[in-house]
Amino acid sequence: MRLGLLKILAVAGLSLAAVSCANRTGDQSIAEYCAEPGHADYDLCEQHRDIEGVRTSLGDRINDLFGRTERAQSTADQALARNLTCATHTLRNRQTGSCTQPGATLTSCVQTRYTTRAGGLAILRSINDTECRFNTRVLEMQVRCCQVGAETPDETTTERPARQPAQAPPERVS
């Protein structure tokens, strides 16, 4: 019985010691405790400085992200206010695609149809504001062209290349 009582008292004493160590700062906040001279080198205060540094850094990053989002929304609103119109053109059997309207800017270029017999998927080699270029001729591509202040509504058109006239067979010489 005595051994059990000693164990209980030992556990109670250790619990009291742990509680008193856990409440090192008393009624002060950690920031107030660490602001006192002589406490700056404690592990608790170093941890607090590290956490505050991370918190400040994350806050700056979040504010920067929201600033960028607001600028992007503002730019989109300005573009819509200036009557931005776009048209999608489907081009067939070509290696390059471009906008046919004067003043239009190419905004996207996508291969939309392919077959393995025709070579499969092509690689988009280059794209800029005026044209896009694939590594080989593609069965079908869609180019999206946009311009500011155009009077034409959003449209989709399909263009096929002009057919080459059939060549006459070579003459036979006897």
Protein backbone atom coordinates (compact mmCIF):
# COMPACT_ATOMS: atom_id res chain seq x y z
CA MET A 1 0.00 0.00 0.00
CA ARG A 2 2.80 2.34 0.84
CA LEU A 3 4.44 1.81 -2.56
CA GLY A 4 1.20 2.70 -4.34
CA LEU A 5 0.86 5.89 -2.30
CA LEU A 6 4.42 6.89 -3.13
CA LYS A 7 3.77 6.34 -6.83
CA ILE A 8 0.66 8.51 -6.70
CA LEU A 9 2.51 11.28 -4.87
CA ALA A 10 5.40 11.09 -7.35
CA VAL A 11 3.03 11.37 -10.32
CA ALA A 12 1.21 14.28 -8.66
CA GLY A 13 4.52 16.06 -7.97
CA LEU A 14 5.70 15.60 -11.56
CA SER A 15 2.36 16.85 -12.87
CA LEU A 16 2.63 19.97 -10.73
CA ALA A 17 6.18 20.57 -11.95
CA ALA A 18 5.10 20.13 -15.60
CA VAL A 19 2.21 22.57 -15.17
CA SER A 20 4.45 25.18 -13.57
CA CYS A 21 6.99 24.82 -16.40
CA ALA A 22 4.31 25.04 -19.04
CA ASN A 23 3.10 28.36 -17.68
CA ARG A 24 6.48 30.09 -17.88
CA THR A 25 5.14 33.43 -18.99
CA GLY A 26 2.58 33.87 -16.20
CA ASP A 27 -0.19 36.26 -17.24
CA GLN A 28 1.91 37.81 -20.00
CA SER A 29 1.54 37.01 -23.68
CA ILE A 30 4.52 35.37 -25.33
CA ALA A 31 5.31 38.60 -27.18
CA GLU A 32 5.36 40.56 -23.89
CA TYR A 33 7.47 37.90 -22.19
CA CYS A 34 10.00 37.83 -25.02
CA ALA A 35 10.18 41.64 -25.15
CA GLU A 36 11.72 41.71 -21.66
CA PRO A 37 15.51 41.97 -21.59
CA GLY A 38 17.17 38.69 -20.75
CA HIS A 39 14.43 36.49 -22.25
CA ALA A 40 15.39 37.01 -25.92
CA ASP A 41 17.77 34.04 -25.97
CA TYR A 42 15.26 31.53 -24.59
CA ASP A 43 14.12 28.76 -26.95
CA LEU A 44 10.53 29.87 -26.51
CA CYS A 45 11.34 33.38 -27.72
CA GLU A 46 13.41 32.13 -30.67
CA GLN A 47 10.47 29.92 -31.73
CA HIS A 48 8.14 32.89 -31.37
CA ARG A 49 10.38 35.07 -33.61
CA ASP A 50 10.51 32.31 -36.25
CA ILE A 51 6.72 31.89 -36.23
CA GLU A 52 6.16 35.65 -36.48
CA GLY A 53 8.59 35.81 -39.42
CA VAL A 54 6.70 33.09 -41.26
CA ARG A 55 3.36 34.72 -40.45
CA THR A 56 4.57 38.08 -41.80
CA SER A 57 6.00 36.45 -44.94
CA LEU A 58 2.75 34.58 -45.63
CA GLY A 59 0.74 37.76 -45.07
CA ASP A 60 2.90 39.62 -47.60
CA ARG A 61 2.52 36.80 -50.13
CA ILE A 62 -1.26 36.70 -49.70
CA ASN A 63 -1.52 40.48 -50.09
CA ASP A 64 0.63 40.29 -53.23
CA LEU A 65 -1.58 37.54 -54.64
CA PHE A 66 -4.76 39.52 -53.99
CA GLY A 67 -3.14 42.56 -55.59
CA ARG A 68 -2.33 40.55 -58.71
CA THR A 69 -5.86 39.13 -58.81
CA GLU A 70 -7.36 42.60 -58.58
CA ARG A 71 -5.06 43.86 -61.39
CA ALA A 72 -6.03 40.90 -63.60
CA GLN A 73 -9.73 41.53 -62.97
CA SER A 74 -9.26 45.22 -63.74
CA THR A 75 -7.48 44.37 -67.01
CA ALA A 76 -10.27 41.96 -67.99
CA ASP A 77 -12.91 44.59 -67.17
CA GLN A 78 -11.07 47.16 -69.30
CA ALA A 79 -10.86 44.73 -72.21
CA LEU A 80 -14.59 44.04 -72.03
CA ALA A 81 -15.34 47.74 -71.82
CA ARG A 82 -13.37 48.33 -75.04
CA ASN A 83 -15.59 45.98 -77.02
CA LEU A 84 -13.24 43.03 -77.41
CA THR A 85 -14.51 40.60 -80.03
CA CYS A 86 -13.09 37.23 -80.96
CA ALA A 87 -13.52 34.77 -83.79
CA THR A 88 -12.50 31.13 -84.10
CA HIS A 89 -11.39 29.92 -87.52
CA THR A 90 -11.01 26.25 -88.41
CA LEU A 91 -8.21 25.63 -90.90
CA ARG A 92 -7.63 22.30 -92.61
CA ASN A 93 -4.56 20.65 -94.10
CA ARG A 94 -2.11 23.37 -93.09
CA GLN A 95 1.11 23.71 -91.18
CA THR A 96 0.64 27.36 -90.13
CA GLY A 97 -2.36 29.31 -88.92
CA SER A 98 -2.90 33.04 -88.76
CA CYS A 99 -5.59 35.70 -88.42
CA THR A 100 -7.12 37.03 -91.61
CA GLN A 101 -8.76 40.16 -90.17
CA PRO A 102 -6.58 43.29 -90.15
CA GLY A 103 -5.71 44.37 -86.60
CA ALA A 104 -6.61 41.01 -85.06
CA THR A 105 -4.30 39.25 -82.60
CA LEU A 106 -3.85 35.49 -82.50
CA THR A 107 -4.72 34.29 -78.99
CA SER A 108 -4.72 30.50 -79.36
CA CYS A 109 -3.95 27.72 -81.81
CA VAL A 110 -5.03 24.10 -81.29
CA GLN A 111 -4.90 20.95 -83.39
CA THR A 112 -8.47 19.64 -83.31
CA ARG A 113 -8.43 16.64 -85.63
CA TYR A 114 -5.85 14.01 -86.47
CA THR A 115 -5.54 10.41 -87.54
CA THR A 116 -2.68 8.00 -87.06
CA ARG A 117 -2.61 7.43 -90.80
CA ALA A 118 -2.07 11.17 -91.32
CA GLY A 119 0.79 11.24 -88.81
CA GLY A 120 -1.01 11.60 -85.46
CA LEU A 121 -0.62 14.55 -83.15
CA ALA A 122 1.64 17.33 -84.34
CA ILE A 123 3.87 19.46 -82.13
CA LEU A 124 3.15 23.17 -81.87
CA ARG A 125 6.57 24.65 -82.70
CA SER A 126 5.88 28.38 -82.34
CA ILE A 127 3.09 30.81 -81.59
CA ASN A 128 3.06 34.60 -81.42
CA ASP A 129 0.56 37.43 -81.97
CA THR A 130 0.36 36.85 -85.72
CA GLU A 131 0.77 33.13 -86.46
CA CYS A 132 1.27 29.65 -85.11
CA ARG A 133 3.33 26.86 -86.68
CA PHE A 134 3.19 23.08 -86.25
CA ASN A 135 6.05 20.71 -87.06
CA THR A 136 4.03 19.07 -89.87
CA ARG A 137 0.85 19.73 -91.79
CA VAL A 138 -2.19 19.03 -89.62
CA LEU A 139 -5.58 17.71 -90.63
CA GLU A 140 -7.43 20.46 -88.77
CA MET A 141 -6.57 23.32 -86.42
CA GLN A 142 -8.56 26.08 -84.77
CA VAL A 143 -7.10 29.56 -84.44
CA ARG A 144 -8.71 32.13 -82.14
CA CYS A 145 -8.31 35.77 -83.16
CA CYS A 146 -9.38 38.76 -81.05
CA GLN A 147 -9.45 42.48 -81.69
CA VAL A 148 -10.57 45.60 -79.89
CA GLY A 149 -13.43 47.68 -81.20
CA ALA A 150 -14.46 45.34 -83.98
CA GLU A 151 -18.08 45.44 -85.07
CA THR A 152 -18.35 41.76 -85.94
CA PRO A 153 -19.85 39.42 -83.33
CA ASP A 154 -18.11 36.35 -81.98
CA GLU A 155 -18.07 33.88 -84.86
CA THR A 156 -16.71 30.54 -85.98
CA THR A 157 -15.70 29.89 -89.58
CA THR A 158 -14.12 27.05 -91.49
CA GLU A 159 -11.54 27.56 -94.22
CA ARG A 160 -10.28 24.91 -96.58
CA PRO A 161 -7.21 25.41 -98.71
CA ALA A 162 -7.78 25.93 -102.42
CA ARG A 163 -7.58 22.69 -104.36
CA GLN A 164 -4.63 22.25 -106.59
CA PRO A 165 -5.65 21.63 -110.20
CA ALA A 166 -5.06 18.09 -111.33
CA GLN A 167 -1.95 17.76 -113.42
CA ALA A 168 -2.20 16.13 -116.81
CA PRO A 169 -0.28 12.88 -117.08
CA PRO A 170 3.06 13.25 -118.89
CA GLU A 171 2.97 12.64 -122.60
CA ARG A 172 4.29 9.34 -123.85
CA VAL A 173 7.02 9.42 -126.39
CA SER A 174 7.08 6.44 -128.69
